Full PDB file with SEQRES, HELIX, SHEET, SSBOND, CRYST1, ORIGX, SCALE, CONECT and MASTER records, all heavy atoms in Angstrom:
SEQRES   1 A   37  VAL ALA SER GLY ASN MET PHE SER MET TYR THR MET VAL          
SEQRES   2 A   37  TRP TYR ARG GLN HIS SER GLY ARG GLN ARG GLU LEU VAL          
SEQRES   3 A   37  ALA SER ILE THR ILE GLY GLY THR THR HIS TYR                  
HELIX    1 AA1 PHE A    7  MET A    9  5                                   3    
SHEET    1 AA1 3 MET A  12  ARG A  16  0                                        
SHEET    2 AA1 3 GLU A  24  ILE A  29 -1                                        
SHEET    3 AA1 3 THR A  35  HIS A  36 -1                                        
CRYST1    1.000    1.000    1.000  90.00  90.00  90.00 P 1           1          
ORIGX1      1.000000  0.000000  0.000000        0.00000                         
ORIGX2      0.000000  1.000000  0.000000        0.00000                         
ORIGX3      0.000000  0.000000  1.000000        0.00000                         
SCALE1      1.000000  0.000000  0.000000        0.00000                         
SCALE2      0.000000  1.000000  0.000000        0.00000                         
SCALE3      0.000000  0.000000  1.000000        0.00000                         
ATOM      1  N   VAL A   1    -243.557-163.577  38.533  1.00  0.00           N  
ATOM      2  CA  VAL A   1    -244.342-162.387  38.220  1.00  0.00           C  
ATOM      3  C   VAL A   1    -244.671-161.660  39.519  1.00  0.00           C  
ATOM      4  O   VAL A   1    -245.146-162.273  40.479  1.00  0.00           O  
ATOM      5  CB  VAL A   1    -245.649-162.761  37.488  1.00  0.00           C  
ATOM      6  CG1 VAL A   1    -246.462-161.514  37.204  1.00  0.00           C  
ATOM      7  CG2 VAL A   1    -245.324-163.496  36.196  1.00  0.00           C  
ATOM      8  N   ALA A   2    -244.412-160.366  39.522  1.00  0.00           N  
ATOM      9  CA  ALA A   2    -244.623-159.552  40.721  1.00  0.00           C  
ATOM     10  C   ALA A   2    -245.854-158.671  40.568  1.00  0.00           C  
ATOM     11  O   ALA A   2    -246.133-158.169  39.471  1.00  0.00           O  
ATOM     12  CB  ALA A   2    -243.396-158.686  40.970  1.00  0.00           C  
ATOM     13  N   SER A   3    -246.561-158.482  41.657  1.00  0.00           N  
ATOM     14  CA  SER A   3    -247.715-157.591  41.645  1.00  0.00           C  
ATOM     15  C   SER A   3    -247.270-156.157  41.918  1.00  0.00           C  
ATOM     16  O   SER A   3    -246.119-155.906  42.308  1.00  0.00           O  
ATOM     17  CB  SER A   3    -248.723-158.030  42.707  1.00  0.00           C  
ATOM     18  OG  SER A   3    -248.187-157.811  44.009  1.00  0.00           O  
ATOM     19  N   GLY A   4    -248.184-155.221  41.711  1.00  0.00           N  
ATOM     20  CA  GLY A   4    -247.863-153.828  41.968  1.00  0.00           C  
ATOM     21  C   GLY A   4    -247.059-153.206  40.850  1.00  0.00           C  
ATOM     22  O   GLY A   4    -246.850-153.801  39.796  1.00  0.00           O  
ATOM     23  N   ASN A   5    -246.570-152.010  41.096  1.00  0.00           N  
ATOM     24  CA  ASN A   5    -245.849-151.278  40.047  1.00  0.00           C  
ATOM     25  C   ASN A   5    -244.460-150.835  40.490  1.00  0.00           C  
ATOM     26  O   ASN A   5    -243.916-149.870  39.951  1.00  0.00           O  
ATOM     27  CB  ASN A   5    -246.675-150.076  39.616  1.00  0.00           C  
ATOM     28  CG  ASN A   5    -246.974-149.129  40.771  1.00  0.00           C  
ATOM     29  OD1 ASN A   5    -246.516-149.352  41.891  1.00  0.00           O  
ATOM     30  ND2 ASN A   5    -247.726-148.084  40.521  1.00  0.00           N  
ATOM     31  N   MET A   6    -243.897-151.550  41.448  1.00  0.00           N  
ATOM     32  CA  MET A   6    -242.583-151.175  41.979  1.00  0.00           C  
ATOM     33  C   MET A   6    -241.447-152.048  41.443  1.00  0.00           C  
ATOM     34  O   MET A   6    -240.280-151.784  41.717  1.00  0.00           O  
ATOM     35  CB  MET A   6    -242.590-151.259  43.506  1.00  0.00           C  
ATOM     36  CG  MET A   6    -243.605-150.352  44.170  1.00  0.00           C  
ATOM     37  SD  MET A   6    -243.252-148.607  43.856  1.00  0.00           S  
ATOM     38  CE  MET A   6    -241.782-148.417  44.871  1.00  0.00           C  
ATOM     39  N   PHE A   7    -241.783-153.075  40.697  1.00  0.00           N  
ATOM     40  CA  PHE A   7    -240.796-154.077  40.270  1.00  0.00           C  
ATOM     41  C   PHE A   7    -239.569-153.442  39.640  1.00  0.00           C  
ATOM     42  O   PHE A   7    -238.432-153.803  39.944  1.00  0.00           O  
ATOM     43  CB  PHE A   7    -241.458-155.046  39.291  1.00  0.00           C  
ATOM     44  CG  PHE A   7    -240.536-156.108  38.758  1.00  0.00           C  
ATOM     45  CD1 PHE A   7    -240.332-157.290  39.455  1.00  0.00           C  
ATOM     46  CD2 PHE A   7    -239.890-155.944  37.533  1.00  0.00           C  
ATOM     47  CE1 PHE A   7    -239.494-158.278  38.960  1.00  0.00           C  
ATOM     48  CE2 PHE A   7    -239.052-156.920  37.026  1.00  0.00           C  
ATOM     49  CZ  PHE A   7    -238.849-158.098  37.744  1.00  0.00           C  
ATOM     50  N   SER A   8    -239.777-152.490  38.751  1.00  0.00           N  
ATOM     51  CA  SER A   8    -238.656-151.910  38.005  1.00  0.00           C  
ATOM     52  C   SER A   8    -237.699-151.124  38.900  1.00  0.00           C  
ATOM     53  O   SER A   8    -236.585-150.802  38.483  1.00  0.00           O  
ATOM     54  CB  SER A   8    -239.178-151.020  36.889  1.00  0.00           C  
ATOM     55  OG  SER A   8    -239.894-149.920  37.421  1.00  0.00           O  
ATOM     56  N   MET A   9    -238.104-150.840  40.119  1.00  0.00           N  
ATOM     57  CA  MET A   9    -237.285-150.040  41.032  1.00  0.00           C  
ATOM     58  C   MET A   9    -236.509-150.896  42.028  1.00  0.00           C  
ATOM     59  O   MET A   9    -235.819-150.367  42.902  1.00  0.00           O  
ATOM     60  CB  MET A   9    -238.173-149.052  41.787  1.00  0.00           C  
ATOM     61  CG  MET A   9    -238.908-148.084  40.886  1.00  0.00           C  
ATOM     62  SD  MET A   9    -240.002-146.976  41.783  1.00  0.00           S  
ATOM     63  CE  MET A   9    -238.823-146.041  42.728  1.00  0.00           C  
ATOM     64  N   TYR A  10    -236.647-152.224  41.908  1.00  0.00           N  
ATOM     65  CA  TYR A  10    -236.070-153.118  42.908  1.00  0.00           C  
ATOM     66  C   TYR A  10    -234.947-153.990  42.343  1.00  0.00           C  
ATOM     67  O   TYR A  10    -235.049-154.487  41.207  1.00  0.00           O  
ATOM     68  CB  TYR A  10    -237.134-154.067  43.449  1.00  0.00           C  
ATOM     69  CG  TYR A  10    -238.181-153.427  44.334  1.00  0.00           C  
ATOM     70  CD1 TYR A  10    -239.435-154.015  44.452  1.00  0.00           C  
ATOM     71  CD2 TYR A  10    -237.928-152.281  45.059  1.00  0.00           C  
ATOM     72  CE1 TYR A  10    -240.410-153.471  45.270  1.00  0.00           C  
ATOM     73  CE2 TYR A  10    -238.892-151.728  45.875  1.00  0.00           C  
ATOM     74  CZ  TYR A  10    -240.132-152.322  45.981  1.00  0.00           C  
ATOM     75  OH  TYR A  10    -241.095-151.778  46.794  1.00  0.00           O  
ATOM     76  N   THR A  11    -233.941-154.225  43.159  1.00  0.00           N  
ATOM     77  CA  THR A  11    -233.033-155.339  42.903  1.00  0.00           C  
ATOM     78  C   THR A  11    -233.795-156.621  43.244  1.00  0.00           C  
ATOM     79  O   THR A  11    -234.383-156.736  44.321  1.00  0.00           O  
ATOM     80  CB  THR A  11    -231.773-155.235  43.776  1.00  0.00           C  
ATOM     81  OG1 THR A  11    -230.991-154.125  43.337  1.00  0.00           O  
ATOM     82  CG2 THR A  11    -230.937-156.505  43.682  1.00  0.00           C  
ATOM     83  N   MET A  12    -233.790-157.558  42.327  1.00  0.00           N  
ATOM     84  CA  MET A  12    -234.541-158.800  42.501  1.00  0.00           C  
ATOM     85  C   MET A  12    -233.597-159.985  42.646  1.00  0.00           C  
ATOM     86  O   MET A  12    -232.492-159.990  42.094  1.00  0.00           O  
ATOM     87  CB  MET A  12    -235.481-159.026  41.325  1.00  0.00           C  
ATOM     88  CG  MET A  12    -236.604-158.012  41.227  1.00  0.00           C  
ATOM     89  SD  MET A  12    -237.735-158.044  42.631  1.00  0.00           S  
ATOM     90  CE  MET A  12    -238.442-159.693  42.486  1.00  0.00           C  
ATOM     91  N   VAL A  13    -234.069-160.966  43.379  1.00  0.00           N  
ATOM     92  CA  VAL A  13    -233.217-162.090  43.762  1.00  0.00           C  
ATOM     93  C   VAL A  13    -233.959-163.406  43.585  1.00  0.00           C  
ATOM     94  O   VAL A  13    -235.149-163.498  43.873  1.00  0.00           O  
ATOM     95  CB  VAL A  13    -232.790-161.960  45.238  1.00  0.00           C  
ATOM     96  CG1 VAL A  13    -231.838-163.089  45.622  1.00  0.00           C  
ATOM     97  CG2 VAL A  13    -232.138-160.615  45.508  1.00  0.00           C  
ATOM     98  N   TRP A  14    -233.243-164.413  43.100  1.00  0.00           N  
ATOM     99  CA  TRP A  14    -233.707-165.803  43.142  1.00  0.00           C  
ATOM    100  C   TRP A  14    -233.024-166.476  44.332  1.00  0.00           C  
ATOM    101  O   TRP A  14    -231.805-166.342  44.517  1.00  0.00           O  
ATOM    102  CB  TRP A  14    -233.359-166.552  41.867  1.00  0.00           C  
ATOM    103  CG  TRP A  14    -234.276-166.289  40.721  1.00  0.00           C  
ATOM    104  CD1 TRP A  14    -234.043-165.510  39.637  1.00  0.00           C  
ATOM    105  CD2 TRP A  14    -235.590-166.838  40.536  1.00  0.00           C  
ATOM    106  NE1 TRP A  14    -235.124-165.512  38.800  1.00  0.00           N  
ATOM    107  CE2 TRP A  14    -236.092-166.332  39.322  1.00  0.00           C  
ATOM    108  CE3 TRP A  14    -236.400-167.704  41.281  1.00  0.00           C  
ATOM    109  CZ2 TRP A  14    -237.355-166.658  38.822  1.00  0.00           C  
ATOM    110  CZ3 TRP A  14    -237.657-168.023  40.798  1.00  0.00           C  
ATOM    111  CH2 TRP A  14    -238.126-167.510  39.586  1.00  0.00           C  
ATOM    112  N   TYR A  15    -233.828-167.220  45.083  1.00  0.00           N  
ATOM    113  CA  TYR A  15    -233.334-168.026  46.190  1.00  0.00           C  
ATOM    114  C   TYR A  15    -233.738-169.476  45.933  1.00  0.00           C  
ATOM    115  O   TYR A  15    -234.619-169.761  45.121  1.00  0.00           O  
ATOM    116  CB  TYR A  15    -233.968-167.598  47.517  1.00  0.00           C  
ATOM    117  CG  TYR A  15    -233.731-166.184  47.929  1.00  0.00           C  
ATOM    118  CD1 TYR A  15    -234.577-165.164  47.509  1.00  0.00           C  
ATOM    119  CD2 TYR A  15    -232.664-165.855  48.768  1.00  0.00           C  
ATOM    120  CE1 TYR A  15    -234.366-163.845  47.906  1.00  0.00           C  
ATOM    121  CE2 TYR A  15    -232.441-164.549  49.171  1.00  0.00           C  
ATOM    122  CZ  TYR A  15    -233.302-163.552  48.738  1.00  0.00           C  
ATOM    123  OH  TYR A  15    -233.082-162.257  49.134  1.00  0.00           O  
ATOM    124  N   ARG A  16    -233.122-170.382  46.661  1.00  0.00           N  
ATOM    125  CA  ARG A  16    -233.589-171.763  46.645  1.00  0.00           C  
ATOM    126  C   ARG A  16    -233.472-172.342  48.049  1.00  0.00           C  
ATOM    127  O   ARG A  16    -232.654-171.880  48.862  1.00  0.00           O  
ATOM    128  CB  ARG A  16    -232.830-172.606  45.633  1.00  0.00           C  
ATOM    129  CG  ARG A  16    -231.399-172.919  45.979  1.00  0.00           C  
ATOM    130  CD  ARG A  16    -230.739-173.668  44.833  1.00  0.00           C  
ATOM    131  NE  ARG A  16    -229.411-174.141  45.168  1.00  0.00           N  
ATOM    132  CZ  ARG A  16    -228.582-174.715  44.289  1.00  0.00           C  
ATOM    133  NH1 ARG A  16    -228.968-174.891  43.015  1.00  0.00           N  
ATOM    134  NH2 ARG A  16    -227.394-175.138  44.672  1.00  0.00           N  
ATOM    135  N   GLN A  17    -234.281-173.357  48.281  1.00  0.00           N  
ATOM    136  CA  GLN A  17    -234.277-174.005  49.580  1.00  0.00           C  
ATOM    137  C   GLN A  17    -234.334-175.511  49.398  1.00  0.00           C  
ATOM    138  O   GLN A  17    -235.323-176.043  48.883  1.00  0.00           O  
ATOM    139  CB  GLN A  17    -235.459-173.527  50.426  1.00  0.00           C  
ATOM    140  CG  GLN A  17    -235.438-174.026  51.847  1.00  0.00           C  
ATOM    141  CD  GLN A  17    -236.460-173.307  52.722  1.00  0.00           C  
ATOM    142  OE1 GLN A  17    -237.418-172.720  52.234  1.00  0.00           O  
ATOM    143  NE2 GLN A  17    -236.234-173.334  54.031  1.00  0.00           N  
ATOM    144  N   HIS A  18    -233.257-176.176  49.814  1.00  0.00           N  
ATOM    145  CA  HIS A  18    -233.239-177.624  49.822  1.00  0.00           C  
ATOM    146  C   HIS A  18    -234.045-178.094  51.032  1.00  0.00           C  
ATOM    147  O   HIS A  18    -234.110-177.417  52.059  1.00  0.00           O  
ATOM    148  CB  HIS A  18    -231.813-178.143  49.932  1.00  0.00           C  
ATOM    149  CG  HIS A  18    -230.946-177.802  48.764  1.00  0.00           C  
ATOM    150  ND1 HIS A  18    -230.177-176.663  48.718  1.00  0.00           N  
ATOM    151  CD2 HIS A  18    -230.725-178.451  47.593  1.00  0.00           C  
ATOM    152  CE1 HIS A  18    -229.517-176.622  47.581  1.00  0.00           C  
ATOM    153  NE2 HIS A  18    -229.828-177.689  46.874  1.00  0.00           N  
ATOM    154  N   SER A  19    -234.617-179.262  50.911  1.00  0.00           N  
ATOM    155  CA  SER A  19    -235.415-179.811  52.000  1.00  0.00           C  
ATOM    156  C   SER A  19    -234.604-179.840  53.292  1.00  0.00           C  
ATOM    157  O   SER A  19    -233.494-180.370  53.320  1.00  0.00           O  
ATOM    158  CB  SER A  19    -235.882-181.216  51.629  1.00  0.00           C  
ATOM    159  OG  SER A  19    -236.653-181.770  52.678  1.00  0.00           O  
ATOM    160  N   GLY A  20    -235.159-179.250  54.348  1.00  0.00           N  
ATOM    161  CA  GLY A  20    -234.513-179.277  55.647  1.00  0.00           C  
ATOM    162  C   GLY A  20    -233.374-178.296  55.828  1.00  0.00           C  
ATOM    163  O   GLY A  20    -232.684-178.309  56.849  1.00  0.00           O  
ATOM    164  N   ARG A  21    -233.166-177.428  54.844  1.00  0.00           N  
ATOM    165  CA  ARG A  21    -232.069-176.468  54.937  1.00  0.00           C  
ATOM    166  C   ARG A  21    -232.580-175.050  54.787  1.00  0.00           C  
ATOM    167  O   ARG A  21    -233.708-174.812  54.395  1.00  0.00           O  
ATOM    168  CB  ARG A  21    -231.013-176.788  53.874  1.00  0.00           C  
ATOM    169  CG  ARG A  21    -230.303-178.107  54.142  1.00  0.00           C  
ATOM    170  CD  ARG A  21    -229.517-178.605  52.947  1.00  0.00           C  
ATOM    171  NE  ARG A  21    -228.542-177.662  52.427  1.00  0.00           N  
ATOM    172  CZ  ARG A  21    -227.752-177.912  51.404  1.00  0.00           C  
ATOM    173  NH1 ARG A  21    -227.812-179.089  50.802  1.00  0.00           N  
ATOM    174  NH2 ARG A  21    -226.888-176.997  50.978  1.00  0.00           N  
ATOM    175  N   GLN A  22    -231.724-174.091  55.101  1.00  0.00           N  
ATOM    176  CA  GLN A  22    -232.106-172.689  54.991  1.00  0.00           C  
ATOM    177  C   GLN A  22    -232.124-172.231  53.538  1.00  0.00           C  
ATOM    178  O   GLN A  22    -231.416-172.776  52.697  1.00  0.00           O  
ATOM    179  CB  GLN A  22    -231.124-171.815  55.790  1.00  0.00           C  
ATOM    180  CG  GLN A  22    -231.283-171.914  57.294  1.00  0.00           C  
ATOM    181  CD  GLN A  22    -230.473-170.859  58.023  1.00  0.00           C  
ATOM    182  OE1 GLN A  22    -229.399-170.472  57.572  1.00  0.00           O  
ATOM    183  NE2 GLN A  22    -230.977-170.398  59.151  1.00  0.00           N  
ATOM    184  N   ARG A  23    -232.920-171.220  53.290  1.00  0.00           N  
ATOM    185  CA  ARG A  23    -232.968-170.620  51.973  1.00  0.00           C  
ATOM    186  C   ARG A  23    -231.619-169.977  51.652  1.00  0.00           C  
ATOM    187  O   ARG A  23    -231.000-169.367  52.522  1.00  0.00           O  
ATOM    188  CB  ARG A  23    -234.073-169.562  51.968  1.00  0.00           C  
ATOM    189  CG  ARG A  23    -234.604-169.176  50.624  1.00  0.00           C  
ATOM    190  CD  ARG A  23    -235.872-168.355  50.805  1.00  0.00           C  
ATOM    191  NE  ARG A  23    -236.980-169.164  51.303  1.00  0.00           N  
ATOM    192  CZ  ARG A  23    -238.126-168.673  51.734  1.00  0.00           C  
ATOM    193  NH1 ARG A  23    -238.306-167.373  51.768  1.00  0.00           N  
ATOM    194  NH2 ARG A  23    -239.083-169.466  52.158  1.00  0.00           N  
ATOM    195  N   GLU A  24    -231.167-170.114  50.405  1.00  0.00           N  
ATOM    196  CA  GLU A  24    -229.882-169.536  50.001  1.00  0.00           C  
ATOM    197  C   GLU A  24    -230.047-168.732  48.720  1.00  0.00           C  
ATOM    198  O   GLU A  24    -230.898-169.035  47.890  1.00  0.00           O  
ATOM    199  CB  GLU A  24    -228.839-170.635  49.798  1.00  0.00           C  
ATOM    200  CG  GLU A  24    -229.174-171.655  48.735  1.00  0.00           C  
ATOM    201  CD  GLU A  24    -228.166-172.796  48.648  1.00  0.00           C  
ATOM    202  OE1 GLU A  24    -227.189-172.821  49.424  1.00  0.00           O  
ATOM    203  OE2 GLU A  24    -228.349-173.671  47.781  1.00  0.00           O  
ATOM    204  N   LEU A  25    -229.203-167.714  48.589  1.00  0.00           N  
ATOM    205  CA  LEU A  25    -229.250-166.862  47.409  1.00  0.00           C  
ATOM    206  C   LEU A  25    -228.650-167.589  46.221  1.00  0.00           C  
ATOM    207  O   LEU A  25    -227.582-168.195  46.326  1.00  0.00           O  
ATOM    208  CB  LEU A  25    -228.493-165.567  47.677  1.00  0.00           C  
ATOM    209  CG  LEU A  25    -228.560-164.473  46.613  1.00  0.00           C  
ATOM    210  CD1 LEU A  25    -228.503-163.102  47.262  1.00  0.00           C  
ATOM    211  CD2 LEU A  25    -227.444-164.619  45.583  1.00  0.00           C  
ATOM    212  N   VAL A  26    -229.335-167.511  45.097  1.00  0.00           N  
ATOM    213  CA  VAL A  26    -228.854-168.123  43.858  1.00  0.00           C  
ATOM    214  C   VAL A  26    -228.288-167.068  42.916  1.00  0.00           C  
ATOM    215  O   VAL A  26    -227.179-167.204  42.401  1.00  0.00           O  
ATOM    216  CB  VAL A  26    -229.990-168.884  43.155  1.00  0.00           C  
ATOM    217  CG1 VAL A  26    -229.538-169.421  41.808  1.00  0.00           C  
ATOM    218  CG2 VAL A  26    -230.501-170.020  44.046  1.00  0.00           C  
ATOM    219  N   ALA A  27    -229.061-166.010  42.686  1.00  0.00           N  
ATOM    220  CA  ALA A  27    -228.646-164.969  41.753  1.00  0.00           C  
ATOM    221  C   ALA A  27    -229.442-163.707  42.029  1.00  0.00           C  
ATOM    222  O   ALA A  27    -230.561-163.774  42.543  1.00  0.00           O  
ATOM    223  CB  ALA A  27    -228.861-165.420  40.313  1.00  0.00           C  
ATOM    224  N   SER A  28    -228.865-162.559  41.663  1.00  0.00           N  
ATOM    225  CA  SER A  28    -229.563-161.288  41.824  1.00  0.00           C  
ATOM    226  C   SER A  28    -229.321-160.416  40.608  1.00  0.00           C  
ATOM    227  O   SER A  28    -228.337-160.600  39.871  1.00  0.00           O  
ATOM    228  CB  SER A  28    -229.096-160.570  43.091  1.00  0.00           C  
ATOM    229  OG  SER A  28    -227.730-160.205  42.991  1.00  0.00           O  
ATOM    230  N   ILE A  29    -230.218-159.446  40.411  1.00  0.00           N  
ATOM    231  CA  ILE A  29    -230.086-158.503  39.306  1.00  0.00           C  
ATOM    232  C   ILE A  29    -230.573-157.140  39.768  1.00  0.00           C  
ATOM    233  O   ILE A  29    -231.653-157.013  40.343  1.00  0.00           O  
ATOM    234  CB  ILE A  29    -230.855-158.994  38.060  1.00  0.00           C  
ATOM    235  CG1 ILE A  29    -230.631-158.052  36.876  1.00  0.00           C  
ATOM    236  CG2 ILE A  29    -232.341-159.188  38.353  1.00  0.00           C  
ATOM    237  CD1 ILE A  29    -231.099-158.649  35.540  1.00  0.00           C  
ATOM    238  N   THR A  30    -229.751-156.112  39.530  1.00  0.00           N  
ATOM    239  CA  THR A  30    -230.098-154.762  39.941  1.00  0.00           C  
ATOM    240  C   THR A  30    -231.038-154.109  38.930  1.00  0.00           C  
ATOM    241  O   THR A  30    -231.302-154.652  37.854  1.00  0.00           O  
ATOM    242  CB  THR A  30    -228.843-153.897  40.088  1.00  0.00           C  
ATOM    243  OG1 THR A  30    -228.283-153.682  38.786  1.00  0.00           O  
ATOM    244  CG2 THR A  30    -227.817-154.554  40.997  1.00  0.00           C  
ATOM    245  N   ILE A  31    -231.505-152.915  39.250  1.00  0.00           N  
ATOM    246  CA  ILE A  31    -232.377-152.207  38.322  1.00  0.00           C  
ATOM    247  C   ILE A  31    -231.617-151.843  37.049  1.00  0.00           C  
ATOM    248  O   ILE A  31    -232.226-151.680  35.993  1.00  0.00           O  
ATOM    249  CB  ILE A  31    -232.991-150.952  38.968  1.00  0.00           C  
ATOM    250  CG1 ILE A  31    -231.898-149.994  39.456  1.00  0.00           C  
ATOM    251  CG2 ILE A  31    -233.892-151.344  40.134  1.00  0.00           C  
ATOM    252  CD1 ILE A  31    -232.446-148.688  40.003  1.00  0.00           C  
ATOM    253  N   GLY A  32    -230.319-151.747  37.143  1.00  0.00           N  
ATOM    254  CA  GLY A  32    -229.514-151.430  35.965  1.00  0.00           C  
ATOM    255  C   GLY A  32    -229.061-152.652  35.197  1.00  0.00           C  
ATOM    256  O   GLY A  32    -228.387-152.519  34.174  1.00  0.00           O  
ATOM    257  N   GLY A  33    -229.418-153.838  35.711  1.00  0.00           N  
ATOM    258  CA  GLY A  33    -229.080-155.060  34.993  1.00  0.00           C  
ATOM    259  C   GLY A  33    -227.793-155.737  35.435  1.00  0.00           C  
ATOM    260  O   GLY A  33    -227.383-156.732  34.833  1.00  0.00           O  
ATOM    261  N   THR A  34    -227.147-155.207  36.472  1.00  0.00           N  
ATOM    262  CA  THR A  34    -225.943-155.864  36.980  1.00  0.00           C  
ATOM    263  C   THR A  34    -226.344-157.153  37.691  1.00  0.00           C  
ATOM    264  O   THR A  34    -227.244-157.150  38.517  1.00  0.00           O  
ATOM    265  CB  THR A  34    -225.184-154.950  37.949  1.00  0.00           C  
ATOM    266  OG1 THR A  34    -224.792-153.762  37.251  1.00  0.00           O  
ATOM    267  CG2 THR A  34    -223.943-155.643  38.489  1.00  0.00           C  
ATOM    268  N   THR A  35    -225.655-158.223  37.356  1.00  0.00           N  
ATOM    269  CA  THR A  35    -226.008-159.531  37.904  1.00  0.00           C  
ATOM    270  C   THR A  35    -224.934-160.048  38.848  1.00  0.00           C  
ATOM    271  O   THR A  35    -223.757-159.692  38.755  1.00  0.00           O  
ATOM    272  CB  THR A  35    -226.223-160.554  36.783  1.00  0.00           C  
ATOM    273  OG1 THR A  35    -225.033-160.633  35.988  1.00  0.00           O  
ATOM    274  CG2 THR A  35    -227.386-160.151  35.897  1.00  0.00           C  
ATOM    275  N   HIS A  36    -225.385-160.909  39.759  1.00  0.00           N  
ATOM    276  CA  HIS A  36    -224.478-161.571  40.690  1.00  0.00           C  
ATOM    277  C   HIS A  36    -224.960-163.004  40.838  1.00  0.00           C  
ATOM    278  O   HIS A  36    -226.169-163.263  40.878  1.00  0.00           O  
ATOM    279  CB  HIS A  36    -224.497-160.873  42.049  1.00  0.00           C  
ATOM    280  CG  HIS A  36    -223.844-161.681  43.125  1.00  0.00           C  
ATOM    281  ND1 HIS A  36    -222.473-161.753  43.278  1.00  0.00           N  
ATOM    282  CD2 HIS A  36    -224.371-162.489  44.077  1.00  0.00           C  
ATOM    283  CE1 HIS A  36    -222.194-162.549  44.293  1.00  0.00           C  
ATOM    284  NE2 HIS A  36    -223.319-163.004  44.794  1.00  0.00           N  
ATOM    285  N   TYR A  37    -223.998-163.940  40.905  1.00  0.00           N  
ATOM    286  CA  TYR A  37    -224.351-165.355  41.009  1.00  0.00           C  
ATOM    287  C   TYR A  37    -223.603-166.017  42.157  1.00  0.00           C  
ATOM    288  O   TYR A  37    -222.431-165.700  42.421  1.00  0.00           O  
ATOM    289  CB  TYR A  37    -224.010-166.086  39.708  1.00  0.00           C  
ATOM    290  CG  TYR A  37    -224.771-165.578  38.514  1.00  0.00           C  
ATOM    291  CD1 TYR A  37    -224.236-164.604  37.683  1.00  0.00           C  
ATOM    292  CD2 TYR A  37    -226.042-166.088  38.213  1.00  0.00           C  
ATOM    293  CE1 TYR A  37    -224.946-164.128  36.591  1.00  0.00           C  
ATOM    294  CE2 TYR A  37    -226.756-165.625  37.115  1.00  0.00           C  
ATOM    295  CZ  TYR A  37    -226.202-164.644  36.319  1.00  0.00           C  
ATOM    296  OH  TYR A  37    -226.904-164.176  35.236  1.00  0.00           O  
TER     297      TYR A  37                                                      
MASTER        0    0    0    1    3    0    0    6  296    1    0    3          
END                                                                             
């Protein structure tokens, strides 16, 4: 859940971080609903 009122204008991303490793991109979704995995 995001605060503010800008959420609908942003491409949003899920990341994950394994212990001791860098954060990595898992999936993204554009304002138009285009997804990437």
